[in-house]
């Protein structure tokens, strides 16, 4: 998995993003010059979309690859991999998660 990458391409094929197994951006590539005439918010949305989709694909692949050696469902493993709430994963293992401290 260390050398694995996932790539996503925008619907209009203007931009693509490639991420590594840690979800870090390895490559961001513009395939056309359309970005030069786009509004900043539109360009930002396109870039964030391809990065998000590439990361989601990589999370899915990592969670799937861990299946034979890690307990839990692919969904709960993916949640933990992306740094989210581990309570569902721990519940599947029969462990209680105390959650954040209460004020």
PDB file of N, CA and C in Angstrom:
ATOM      1  N   UNK A   1       0.821  -1.197   0.000  1.00  0.00           N
ATOM      2  CA  UNK A   1       0.000   0.000   0.000  1.00  0.00           C
ATOM      3  C   UNK A   1       0.867   1.263   0.000  1.00  0.00           C
ATOM      4  N   UNK A   2       2.098   1.164   0.457  1.00  0.00           N
ATOM      5  CA  UNK A   2       2.954   2.353   0.558  1.00  0.00           C
ATOM      6  C   UNK A   2       3.095   3.074  -0.779  1.00  0.00           C
ATOM      7  N   UNK A   3       3.110   2.337  -1.865  1.00  0.00           N
ATOM      8  CA  UNK A   3       3.287   2.969  -3.183  1.00  0.00           C
ATOM      9  C   UNK A   3       1.967   3.175  -3.928  1.00  0.00           C
ATOM     10  N   UNK A   4       0.854   2.824  -3.299  1.00  0.00           N
ATOM     11  CA  UNK A   4      -0.452   2.941  -3.956  1.00  0.00           C
ATOM     12  C   UNK A   4      -0.850   4.409  -4.125  1.00  0.00           C
ATOM     13  N   UNK A   5      -1.548   4.677  -5.217  1.00  0.00           N
ATOM     14  CA  UNK A   5      -2.102   6.009  -5.461  1.00  0.00           C
ATOM     15  C   UNK A   5      -3.515   5.863  -5.995  1.00  0.00           C
ATOM     16  N   UNK A   6      -4.285   6.909  -5.845  1.00  0.00           N
ATOM     17  CA  UNK A   6      -5.629   6.973  -6.428  1.00  0.00           C
ATOM     18  C   UNK A   6      -5.739   8.311  -7.130  1.00  0.00           C
ATOM     19  N   UNK A   7      -6.435   8.311  -8.258  1.00  0.00           N
ATOM     20  CA  UNK A   7      -6.554   9.528  -9.053  1.00  0.00           C
ATOM     21  C   UNK A   7      -8.015   9.803  -9.373  1.00  0.00           C
ATOM     22  N   UNK A   8      -8.360  11.076  -9.411  1.00  0.00           N
ATOM     23  CA  UNK A   8      -9.693  11.504  -9.834  1.00  0.00           C
ATOM     24  C   UNK A   8      -9.507  12.616 -10.864  1.00  0.00           C
ATOM     25  N   UNK A   9     -10.428  12.645 -11.826  1.00  0.00           N
ATOM     26  CA  UNK A   9     -10.396  13.639 -12.901  1.00  0.00           C
ATOM     27  C   UNK A   9     -11.737  14.366 -12.901  1.00  0.00           C
ATOM     28  N   UNK A  10     -11.689  15.683 -13.098  1.00  0.00           N
ATOM     29  CA  UNK A  10     -12.927  16.465 -13.138  1.00  0.00           C
ATOM     30  C   UNK A  10     -13.778  16.042 -14.325  1.00  0.00           C
ATOM     31  N   UNK A  11     -15.082  16.300 -14.225  1.00  0.00           N
ATOM     32  CA  UNK A  11     -16.012  15.896 -15.284  1.00  0.00           C
ATOM     33  C   UNK A  11     -15.656  16.487 -16.635  1.00  0.00           C
ATOM     34  N   UNK A  12     -15.137  17.718 -16.617  1.00  0.00           N
ATOM     35  CA  UNK A  12     -14.765  18.357 -17.884  1.00  0.00           C
ATOM     36  C   UNK A  12     -13.318  18.052 -18.281  1.00  0.00           C
ATOM     37  N   UNK A  13     -12.659  17.183 -17.519  1.00  0.00           N
ATOM     38  CA  UNK A  13     -11.289  16.724 -17.772  1.00  0.00           C
ATOM     39  C   UNK A  13     -10.256  17.852 -17.691  1.00  0.00           C
ATOM     40  N   UNK A  14     -10.613  18.934 -17.020  1.00  0.00           N
ATOM     41  CA  UNK A  14      -9.710  20.073 -16.902  1.00  0.00           C
ATOM     42  C   UNK A  14      -8.602  19.819 -15.884  1.00  0.00           C
ATOM     43  N   UNK A  15      -8.942  19.183 -14.758  1.00  0.00           N
ATOM     44  CA  UNK A  15      -7.987  19.007 -13.670  1.00  0.00           C
ATOM     45  C   UNK A  15      -8.066  17.589 -13.120  1.00  0.00           C
ATOM     46  N   UNK A  16      -6.919  17.100 -12.662  1.00  0.00           N
ATOM     47  CA  UNK A  16      -6.892  15.796 -12.011  1.00  0.00           C
ATOM     48  C   UNK A  16      -6.011  15.892 -10.768  1.00  0.00           C
ATOM     49  N   UNK A  17      -6.290  15.015  -9.825  1.00  0.00           N
ATOM     50  CA  UNK A  17      -5.504  14.951  -8.592  1.00  0.00           C
ATOM     51  C   UNK A  17      -5.170  13.499  -8.313  1.00  0.00           C
ATOM     52  N   UNK A  18      -3.960  13.297  -7.822  1.00  0.00           N
ATOM     53  CA  UNK A  18      -3.513  11.965  -7.434  1.00  0.00           C
ATOM     54  C   UNK A  18      -3.061  12.052  -5.979  1.00  0.00           C
ATOM     55  N   UNK A  19      -3.519  11.103  -5.155  1.00  0.00           N
ATOM     56  CA  UNK A  19      -3.137  11.063  -3.746  1.00  0.00           C
ATOM     57  C   UNK A  19      -2.468   9.735  -3.430  1.00  0.00           C
ATOM     58  N   UNK A  20      -1.644   9.739  -2.371  1.00  0.00           N
ATOM     59  CA  UNK A  20      -0.989   8.508  -1.945  1.00  0.00           C
ATOM     60  C   UNK A  20      -1.843   7.809  -0.882  1.00  0.00           C
ATOM     61  N   UNK A  21      -1.317   6.717  -0.337  1.00  0.00           N
ATOM     62  CA  UNK A  21      -2.088   5.916   0.621  1.00  0.00           C
ATOM     63  C   UNK A  21      -2.374   6.661   1.919  1.00  0.00           C
ATOM     64  N   UNK A  22      -1.648   7.721   2.200  1.00  0.00           N
ATOM     65  CA  UNK A  22      -1.901   8.534   3.388  1.00  0.00           C
ATOM     66  C   UNK A  22      -2.867   9.670   3.091  1.00  0.00           C
ATOM     67  N   UNK A  23      -3.352   9.757   1.854  1.00  0.00           N
ATOM     68  CA  UNK A  23      -4.288  10.808   1.466  1.00  0.00           C
ATOM     69  C   UNK A  23      -3.619  12.124   1.120  1.00  0.00           C
ATOM     70  N   UNK A  24      -2.293  12.128   1.067  1.00  0.00           N
ATOM     71  CA  UNK A  24      -1.550  13.337   0.716  1.00  0.00           C
ATOM     72  C   UNK A  24      -1.555  13.515  -0.802  1.00  0.00           C
ATOM     73  N   UNK A  25      -1.611  14.754  -1.247  1.00  0.00           N
ATOM     74  CA  UNK A  25      -1.634  15.036  -2.679  1.00  0.00           C
ATOM     75  C   UNK A  25      -0.250  14.788  -3.261  1.00  0.00           C
ATOM     76  N   UNK A  26      -0.175  13.873  -4.207  1.00  0.00           N
ATOM     77  CA  UNK A  26       1.074  13.596  -4.911  1.00  0.00           C
ATOM     78  C   UNK A  26       1.178  14.415  -6.188  1.00  0.00           C
ATOM     79  N   UNK A  27       0.018  14.689  -6.788  1.00  0.00           N
ATOM     80  CA  UNK A  27       0.038  15.393  -8.065  1.00  0.00           C
ATOM     81  C   UNK A  27      -1.280  16.132  -8.272  1.00  0.00           C
ATOM     82  N   UNK A  28      -1.161  17.344  -8.765  1.00  0.00           N
ATOM     83  CA  UNK A  28      -2.321  18.132  -9.179  1.00  0.00           C
ATOM     84  C   UNK A  28      -1.981  18.641 -10.562  1.00  0.00           C
ATOM     85  N   UNK A  29      -2.787  18.263 -11.545  1.00  0.00           N
ATOM     86  CA  UNK A  29      -2.447  18.572 -12.931  1.00  0.00           C
ATOM     87  C   UNK A  29      -3.629  19.229 -13.640  1.00  0.00           C
ATOM     88  N   UNK A  30      -3.322  20.292 -14.364  1.00  0.00           N
ATOM     89  CA  UNK A  30      -4.314  20.965 -15.198  1.00  0.00           C
ATOM     90  C   UNK A  30      -4.082  20.522 -16.633  1.00  0.00           C
ATOM     91  N   UNK A  31      -5.137  19.984 -17.257  1.00  0.00           N
ATOM     92  CA  UNK A  31      -5.007  19.409 -18.599  1.00  0.00           C
ATOM     93  C   UNK A  31      -5.417  20.378 -19.703  1.00  0.00           C
ATOM     94  N   UNK A  32      -6.077  21.455 -19.325  1.00  0.00           N
ATOM     95  CA  UNK A  32      -6.466  22.480 -20.295  1.00  0.00           C
ATOM     96  C   UNK A  32      -6.147  23.837 -19.688  1.00  0.00           C
ATOM     97  N   UNK A  33      -6.327  24.884 -20.452  1.00  0.00           N
ATOM     98  CA  UNK A  33      -6.080  26.230 -19.919  1.00  0.00           C
ATOM     99  C   UNK A  33      -7.380  26.892 -19.445  1.00  0.00           C
ATOM    100  N   UNK A  34      -8.457  26.121 -19.354  1.00  0.00           N
ATOM    101  CA  UNK A  34      -9.746  26.652 -18.922  1.00  0.00           C
ATOM    102  C   UNK A  34      -9.656  27.327 -17.549  1.00  0.00           C
ATOM    103  N   UNK A  35      -8.774  26.822 -16.684  1.00  0.00           N
ATOM    104  CA  UNK A  35      -8.649  27.372 -15.331  1.00  0.00           C
ATOM    105  C   UNK A  35      -8.301  28.856 -15.340  1.00  0.00           C
ATOM    106  N   UNK A  36      -7.685  29.335 -16.395  1.00  0.00           N
ATOM    107  CA  UNK A  36      -7.263  30.742 -16.478  1.00  0.00           C
ATOM    108  C   UNK A  36      -8.439  31.714 -16.542  1.00  0.00           C
ATOM    109  N   UNK A  37      -9.570  31.232 -17.021  1.00  0.00           N
ATOM    110  CA  UNK A  37     -10.738  32.110 -17.173  1.00  0.00           C
ATOM    111  C   UNK A  37     -11.835  31.825 -16.141  1.00  0.00           C
ATOM    112  N   UNK A  38     -11.576  30.900 -15.238  1.00  0.00           N
ATOM    113  CA  UNK A  38     -12.583  30.531 -14.241  1.00  0.00           C
ATOM    114  C   UNK A  38     -12.569  31.516 -13.075  1.00  0.00           C
ATOM    115  N   UNK A  39     -13.725  31.696 -12.486  1.00  0.00           N
ATOM    116  CA  UNK A  39     -13.820  32.476 -11.249  1.00  0.00           C
ATOM    117  C   UNK A  39     -13.067  31.715 -10.157  1.00  0.00           C
ATOM    118  N   UNK A  40     -12.429  32.415  -9.239  1.00  0.00           N
ATOM    119  CA  UNK A  40     -11.673  31.734  -8.181  1.00  0.00           C
ATOM    120  C   UNK A  40     -12.486  30.680  -7.418  1.00  0.00           C
ATOM    121  N   UNK A  41     -13.728  30.992  -7.091  1.00  0.00           N
ATOM    122  CA  UNK A  41     -14.560  30.029  -6.349  1.00  0.00           C
ATOM    123  C   UNK A  41     -14.844  28.789  -7.182  1.00  0.00           C
ATOM    124  N   UNK A  42     -15.048  28.960  -8.470  1.00  0.00           N
ATOM    125  CA  UNK A  42     -15.318  27.831  -9.358  1.00  0.00           C
ATOM    126  C   UNK A  42     -14.085  26.945  -9.483  1.00  0.00           C
ATOM    127  N   UNK A  43     -12.917  27.550  -9.642  1.00  0.00           N
ATOM    128  CA  UNK A  43     -11.675  26.793  -9.737  1.00  0.00           C
ATOM    129  C   UNK A  43     -11.405  26.054  -8.430  1.00  0.00           C
ATOM    130  N   UNK A  44     -11.583  26.735  -7.324  1.00  0.00           N
ATOM    131  CA  UNK A  44     -11.384  26.116  -6.019  1.00  0.00           C
ATOM    132  C   UNK A  44     -12.297  24.908  -5.843  1.00  0.00           C
ATOM    133  N   UNK A  45     -13.558  25.048  -6.213  1.00  0.00           N
ATOM    134  CA  UNK A  45     -14.517  23.941  -6.089  1.00  0.00           C
ATOM    135  C   UNK A  45     -14.095  22.748  -6.939  1.00  0.00           C
ATOM    136  N   UNK A  46     -13.620  23.001  -8.152  1.00  0.00           N
ATOM    137  CA  UNK A  46     -13.185  21.917  -9.039  1.00  0.00           C
ATOM    138  C   UNK A  46     -11.980  21.184  -8.465  1.00  0.00           C
ATOM    139  N   UNK A  47     -11.015  21.935  -7.935  1.00  0.00           N
ATOM    140  CA  UNK A  47      -9.813  21.332  -7.363  1.00  0.00           C
ATOM    141  C   UNK A  47     -10.164  20.541  -6.106  1.00  0.00           C
ATOM    142  N   UNK A  48     -10.950  21.126  -5.219  1.00  0.00           N
ATOM    143  CA  UNK A  48     -11.336  20.424  -3.995  1.00  0.00           C
ATOM    144  C   UNK A  48     -12.145  19.167  -4.296  1.00  0.00           C
ATOM    145  N   UNK A  49     -12.976  19.220  -5.321  1.00  0.00           N
ATOM    146  CA  UNK A  49     -13.778  18.052  -5.697  1.00  0.00           C
ATOM    147  C   UNK A  49     -12.894  16.886  -6.126  1.00  0.00           C
ATOM    148  N   UNK A  50     -11.930  17.118  -7.011  1.00  0.00           N
ATOM    149  CA  UNK A  50     -11.092  16.003  -7.474  1.00  0.00           C
ATOM    150  C   UNK A  50     -10.200  15.477  -6.353  1.00  0.00           C
ATOM    151  N   UNK A  51      -9.714  16.363  -5.491  1.00  0.00           N
ATOM    152  CA  UNK A  51      -8.906  15.904  -4.359  1.00  0.00           C
ATOM    153  C   UNK A  51      -9.763  15.056  -3.418  1.00  0.00           C
ATOM    154  N   UNK A  52     -10.955  15.511  -3.127  1.00  0.00           N
ATOM    155  CA  UNK A  52     -11.853  14.754  -2.247  1.00  0.00           C
ATOM    156  C   UNK A  52     -12.212  13.393  -2.810  1.00  0.00           C
ATOM    157  N   UNK A  53     -12.497  13.343  -4.109  1.00  0.00           N
ATOM    158  CA  UNK A  53     -12.843  12.055  -4.716  1.00  0.00           C
ATOM    159  C   UNK A  53     -11.651  11.111  -4.757  1.00  0.00           C
ATOM    160  N   UNK A  54     -10.455  11.634  -5.005  1.00  0.00           N
ATOM    161  CA  UNK A  54      -9.256  10.785  -4.994  1.00  0.00           C
ATOM    162  C   UNK A  54      -9.002  10.242  -3.591  1.00  0.00           C
ATOM    163  N   UNK A  55      -9.161  11.096  -2.582  1.00  0.00           N
ATOM    164  CA  UNK A  55      -8.974  10.646  -1.199  1.00  0.00           C
ATOM    165  C   UNK A  55     -10.013   9.602  -0.805  1.00  0.00           C
ATOM    166  N   UNK A  56     -11.247   9.799  -1.204  1.00  0.00           N
ATOM    167  CA  UNK A  56     -12.306   8.832  -0.877  1.00  0.00           C
ATOM    168  C   UNK A  56     -12.003   7.473  -1.510  1.00  0.00           C
ATOM    169  N   UNK A  57     -11.525   7.483  -2.737  1.00  0.00           N
ATOM    170  CA  UNK A  57     -11.161   6.225  -3.412  1.00  0.00           C
ATOM    171  C   UNK A  57     -10.012   5.550  -2.680  1.00  0.00           C
ATOM    172  N   UNK A  58      -9.014   6.325  -2.272  1.00  0.00           N
ATOM    173  CA  UNK A  58      -7.880   5.738  -1.556  1.00  0.00           C
ATOM    174  C   UNK A  58      -8.312   5.202  -0.206  1.00  0.00           C
ATOM    175  N   UNK A  59      -9.170   5.920   0.512  1.00  0.00           N
ATOM    176  CA  UNK A  59      -9.688   5.428   1.791  1.00  0.00           C
ATOM    177  C   UNK A  59     -10.397   4.091   1.596  1.00  0.00           C
ATOM    178  N   UNK A  60     -11.201   3.997   0.549  1.00  0.00           N
ATOM    179  CA  UNK A  60     -11.921   2.757   0.269  1.00  0.00           C
ATOM    180  C   UNK A  60     -10.938   1.622   0.009  1.00  0.00           C
ATOM    181  N   UNK A  61      -9.904   1.890  -0.791  1.00  0.00           N
ATOM    182  CA  UNK A  61      -8.927   0.851  -1.135  1.00  0.00           C
ATOM    183  C   UNK A  61      -8.108   0.417   0.080  1.00  0.00           C
ATOM    184  N   UNK A  62      -7.715   1.365   0.925  1.00  0.00           N
ATOM    185  CA  UNK A  62      -6.948   1.021   2.123  1.00  0.00           C
ATOM    186  C   UNK A  62      -7.822   0.201   3.080  1.00  0.00           C
ATOM    187  N   UNK A  63      -9.062   0.638   3.290  1.00  0.00           N
ATOM    188  CA  UNK A  63      -9.968  -0.095   4.174  1.00  0.00           C
ATOM    189  C   UNK A  63     -10.215  -1.505   3.651  1.00  0.00           C
ATOM    190  N   UNK A  64     -10.349  -1.633   2.353  1.00  0.00           N
ATOM    191  CA  UNK A  64     -10.555  -2.945   1.731  1.00  0.00           C
ATOM    192  C   UNK A  64      -9.318  -3.821   1.896  1.00  0.00           C
ATOM    193  N   UNK A  65      -8.137  -3.237   1.708  1.00  0.00           N
ATOM    194  CA  UNK A  65      -6.889  -3.991   1.831  1.00  0.00           C
ATOM    195  C   UNK A  65      -6.661  -4.469   3.263  1.00  0.00           C
ATOM    196  N   UNK A  66      -7.138  -3.689   4.230  1.00  0.00           N
ATOM    197  CA  UNK A  66      -6.976  -4.071   5.637  1.00  0.00           C
ATOM    198  C   UNK A  66      -7.964  -5.147   6.066  1.00  0.00           C
ATOM    199  N   UNK A  67      -8.972  -5.407   5.253  1.00  0.00           N
ATOM    200  CA  UNK A  67     -10.018  -6.368   5.596  1.00  0.00           C
ATOM    201  C   UNK A  67      -9.526  -7.689   6.135  1.00  0.00           C
ATOM    202  N   UNK A  68      -8.574  -8.345   5.470  1.00  0.00           N
ATOM    203  CA  UNK A  68      -8.126  -9.651   5.964  1.00  0.00           C
ATOM    204  C   UNK A  68      -7.370  -9.612   7.288  1.00  0.00           C
ATOM    205  N   UNK A  69      -6.837  -8.454   7.664  1.00  0.00           N
ATOM    206  CA  UNK A  69      -6.018  -8.401   8.877  1.00  0.00           C
ATOM    207  C   UNK A  69      -6.589  -7.488   9.965  1.00  0.00           C
ATOM    208  N   UNK A  70      -7.610  -6.718   9.639  1.00  0.00           N
ATOM    209  CA  UNK A  70      -8.192  -5.804  10.623  1.00  0.00           C
ATOM    210  C   UNK A  70      -9.671  -6.114  10.794  1.00  0.00           C
ATOM    211  N   UNK A  71     -10.135  -6.112  12.026  1.00  0.00           N
ATOM    212  CA  UNK A  71     -11.552  -6.370  12.261  1.00  0.00           C
ATOM    213  C   UNK A  71     -12.409  -5.178  11.845  1.00  0.00           C
ATOM    214  N   UNK A  72     -13.703  -5.375  11.881  1.00  0.00           N
ATOM    215  CA  UNK A  72     -14.634  -4.296  11.568  1.00  0.00           C
ATOM    216  C   UNK A  72     -15.062  -4.312  10.115  1.00  0.00           C
ATOM    217  N   UNK A  73     -16.031  -3.468   9.824  1.00  0.00           N
ATOM    218  CA  UNK A  73     -16.531  -3.356   8.461  1.00  0.00           C
ATOM    219  C   UNK A  73     -15.651  -2.387   7.662  1.00  0.00           C
ATOM    220  N   UNK A  74     -15.684  -2.464   6.338  1.00  0.00           N
ATOM    221  CA  UNK A  74     -14.915  -1.507   5.543  1.00  0.00           C
ATOM    222  C   UNK A  74     -15.286  -0.057   5.850  1.00  0.00           C
ATOM    223  N   UNK A  75     -16.568   0.185   6.136  1.00  0.00           N
ATOM    224  CA  UNK A  75     -17.018   1.549   6.427  1.00  0.00           C
ATOM    225  C   UNK A  75     -16.419   2.072   7.725  1.00  0.00           C
ATOM    226  N   UNK A  76     -16.429   1.235   8.776  1.00  0.00           N
ATOM    227  CA  UNK A  76     -15.894   1.698  10.064  1.00  0.00           C
ATOM    228  C   UNK A  76     -14.377   1.854   9.991  1.00  0.00           C
ATOM    229  N   UNK A  77     -13.693   0.969   9.240  1.00  0.00           N
ATOM    230  CA  UNK A  77     -12.242   1.120   9.061  1.00  0.00           C
ATOM    231  C   UNK A  77     -11.935   2.402   8.299  1.00  0.00           C
ATOM    232  N   UNK A  78     -12.717   2.699   7.257  1.00  0.00           N
ATOM    233  CA  UNK A  78     -12.493   3.918   6.468  1.00  0.00           C
ATOM    234  C   UNK A  78     -12.688   5.159   7.333  1.00  0.00           C
ATOM    235  N   UNK A  79     -13.669   5.133   8.223  1.00  0.00           N
ATOM    236  CA  UNK A  79     -13.905   6.272   9.118  1.00  0.00           C
ATOM    237  C   UNK A  79     -12.688   6.521  10.005  1.00  0.00           C
ATOM    238  N   UNK A  80     -12.110   5.454  10.526  1.00  0.00           N
ATOM    239  CA  UNK A  80     -10.921   5.587  11.372  1.00  0.00           C
ATOM    240  C   UNK A  80      -9.735   6.059  10.534  1.00  0.00           C
ATOM    241  N   UNK A  81      -9.578   5.522   9.331  1.00  0.00           N
ATOM    242  CA  UNK A  81      -8.466   5.902   8.459  1.00  0.00           C
ATOM    243  C   UNK A  81      -8.510   7.388   8.146  1.00  0.00           C
ATOM    244  N   UNK A  82      -9.697   7.927   7.907  1.00  0.00           N
ATOM    245  CA  UNK A  82      -9.786   9.351   7.559  1.00  0.00           C
ATOM    246  C   UNK A  82      -9.748  10.242   8.795  1.00  0.00           C
ATOM    247  N   UNK A  83      -9.547   9.650   9.971  1.00  0.00           N
ATOM    248  CA  UNK A  83      -9.394  10.438  11.182  1.00  0.00           C
ATOM    249  C   UNK A  83     -10.703  10.799  11.851  1.00  0.00           C
ATOM    250  N   UNK A  84     -11.763  10.079  11.494  1.00  0.00           N
ATOM    251  CA  UNK A  84     -13.076  10.379  12.053  1.00  0.00           C
ATOM    252  C   UNK A  84     -13.326   9.692  13.381  1.00  0.00           C
ATOM    253  N   UNK A  85     -14.588   9.596  13.724  1.00  0.00           N
ATOM    254  CA  UNK A  85     -15.036   9.029  14.988  1.00  0.00           C
ATOM    255  C   UNK A  85     -14.794   7.510  15.001  1.00  0.00           C
ATOM    256  N   UNK A  86     -13.989   7.014  15.940  1.00  0.00           N
ATOM    257  CA  UNK A  86     -13.700   5.578  15.989  1.00  0.00           C
ATOM    258  C   UNK A  86     -14.733   4.758  16.749  1.00  0.00           C
ATOM    259  N   UNK A  87     -15.818   5.382  17.237  1.00  0.00           N
ATOM    260  CA  UNK A  87     -16.756   4.665  18.107  1.00  0.00           C
ATOM    261  C   UNK A  87     -17.429   3.480  17.412  1.00  0.00           C
ATOM    262  N   UNK A  88     -17.814   3.611  16.142  1.00  0.00           N
ATOM    263  CA  UNK A  88     -18.448   2.486  15.446  1.00  0.00           C
ATOM    264  C   UNK A  88     -17.469   1.317  15.306  1.00  0.00           C
ATOM    265  N   UNK A  89     -16.240   1.624  14.958  1.00  0.00           N
ATOM    266  CA  UNK A  89     -15.214   0.593  14.815  1.00  0.00           C
ATOM    267  C   UNK A  89     -14.997  -0.117  16.148  1.00  0.00           C
ATOM    268  N   UNK A  90     -14.863   0.660  17.228  1.00  0.00           N
ATOM    269  CA  UNK A  90     -14.644   0.065  18.548  1.00  0.00           C
ATOM    270  C   UNK A  90     -15.858  -0.729  19.012  1.00  0.00           C
ATOM    271  N   UNK A  91     -17.057  -0.261  18.692  1.00  0.00           N
ATOM    272  CA  UNK A  91     -18.276  -0.994  19.057  1.00  0.00           C
ATOM    273  C   UNK A  91     -18.310  -2.348  18.361  1.00  0.00           C
ATOM    274  N   UNK A  92     -17.862  -2.406  17.098  1.00  0.00           N
ATOM    275  CA  UNK A  92     -17.813  -3.679  16.378  1.00  0.00           C
ATOM    276  C   UNK A  92     -16.846  -4.657  17.035  1.00  0.00           C
ATOM    277  N   UNK A  93     -15.862  -4.114  17.743  1.00  0.00           N
ATOM    278  CA  UNK A  93     -14.898  -4.955  18.451  1.00  0.00           C
ATOM    279  C   UNK A  93     -15.365  -5.300  19.860  1.00  0.00           C
ATOM    280  N   UNK A  94     -16.542  -4.776  20.238  1.00  0.00           N
ATOM    281  CA  UNK A  94     -17.076  -5.028  21.569  1.00  0.00           C
ATOM    282  C   UNK A  94     -16.437  -4.153  22.633  1.00  0.00           C
ATOM    283  N   UNK A  95     -15.865  -3.034  22.219  1.00  0.00           N
ATOM    284  CA  UNK A  95     -15.210  -2.123  23.159  1.00  0.00           C
ATOM    285  C   UNK A  95     -16.035  -0.859  23.311  1.00  0.00           C
ATOM    286  N   UNK A  96     -16.065  -0.325  24.493  1.00  0.00           N
ATOM    287  CA  UNK A  96     -16.764   0.924  24.742  1.00  0.00           C
ATOM    288  C   UNK A  96     -15.826   2.091  24.430  1.00  0.00           C
ATOM    289  N   UNK A  97     -16.385   3.116  23.835  1.00  0.00           N
ATOM    290  CA  UNK A  97     -15.639   4.346  23.579  1.00  0.00           C
ATOM    291  C   UNK A  97     -16.259   5.428  24.424  1.00  0.00           C
ATOM    292  N   UNK A  98     -15.506   5.980  25.371  1.00  0.00           N
ATOM    293  CA  UNK A  98     -16.095   6.950  26.286  1.00  0.00           C
ATOM    294  C   UNK A  98     -16.499   8.253  25.630  1.00  0.00           C
ATOM    295  N   UNK A  99     -15.974   8.570  24.480  1.00  0.00           N
ATOM    296  CA  UNK A  99     -16.305   9.829  23.825  1.00  0.00           C
ATOM    297  C   UNK A  99     -15.573  10.992  24.459  1.00  0.00           C
ATOM    298  N   UNK A 100     -15.843  12.199  23.968  1.00  0.00           N
ATOM    299  CA  UNK A 100     -15.148  13.360  24.514  1.00  0.00           C
ATOM    300  C   UNK A 100     -15.610  13.661  25.924  1.00  0.00           C
ATOM    301  N   UNK A 101     -14.736  14.269  26.709  1.00  0.00           N
ATOM    302  CA  UNK A 101     -15.132  14.605  28.085  1.00  0.00           C
ATOM    303  C   UNK A 101     -16.261  15.622  28.096  1.00  0.00           C
ATOM    304  N   UNK A 102     -17.142  15.491  29.040  1.00  0.00           N
ATOM    305  CA  UNK A 102     -18.277  16.417  29.161  1.00  0.00           C
ATOM    306  C   UNK A 102     -17.877  17.597  30.041  1.00  0.00           C
ATOM    307  N   UNK A 103     -18.366  18.785  29.674  1.00  0.00           N
ATOM    308  CA  UNK A 103     -18.008  19.978  30.474  1.00  0.00           C
ATOM    309  C   UNK A 103     -18.660  19.967  31.837  1.00  0.00           C
TER     310      UNK A 103
END
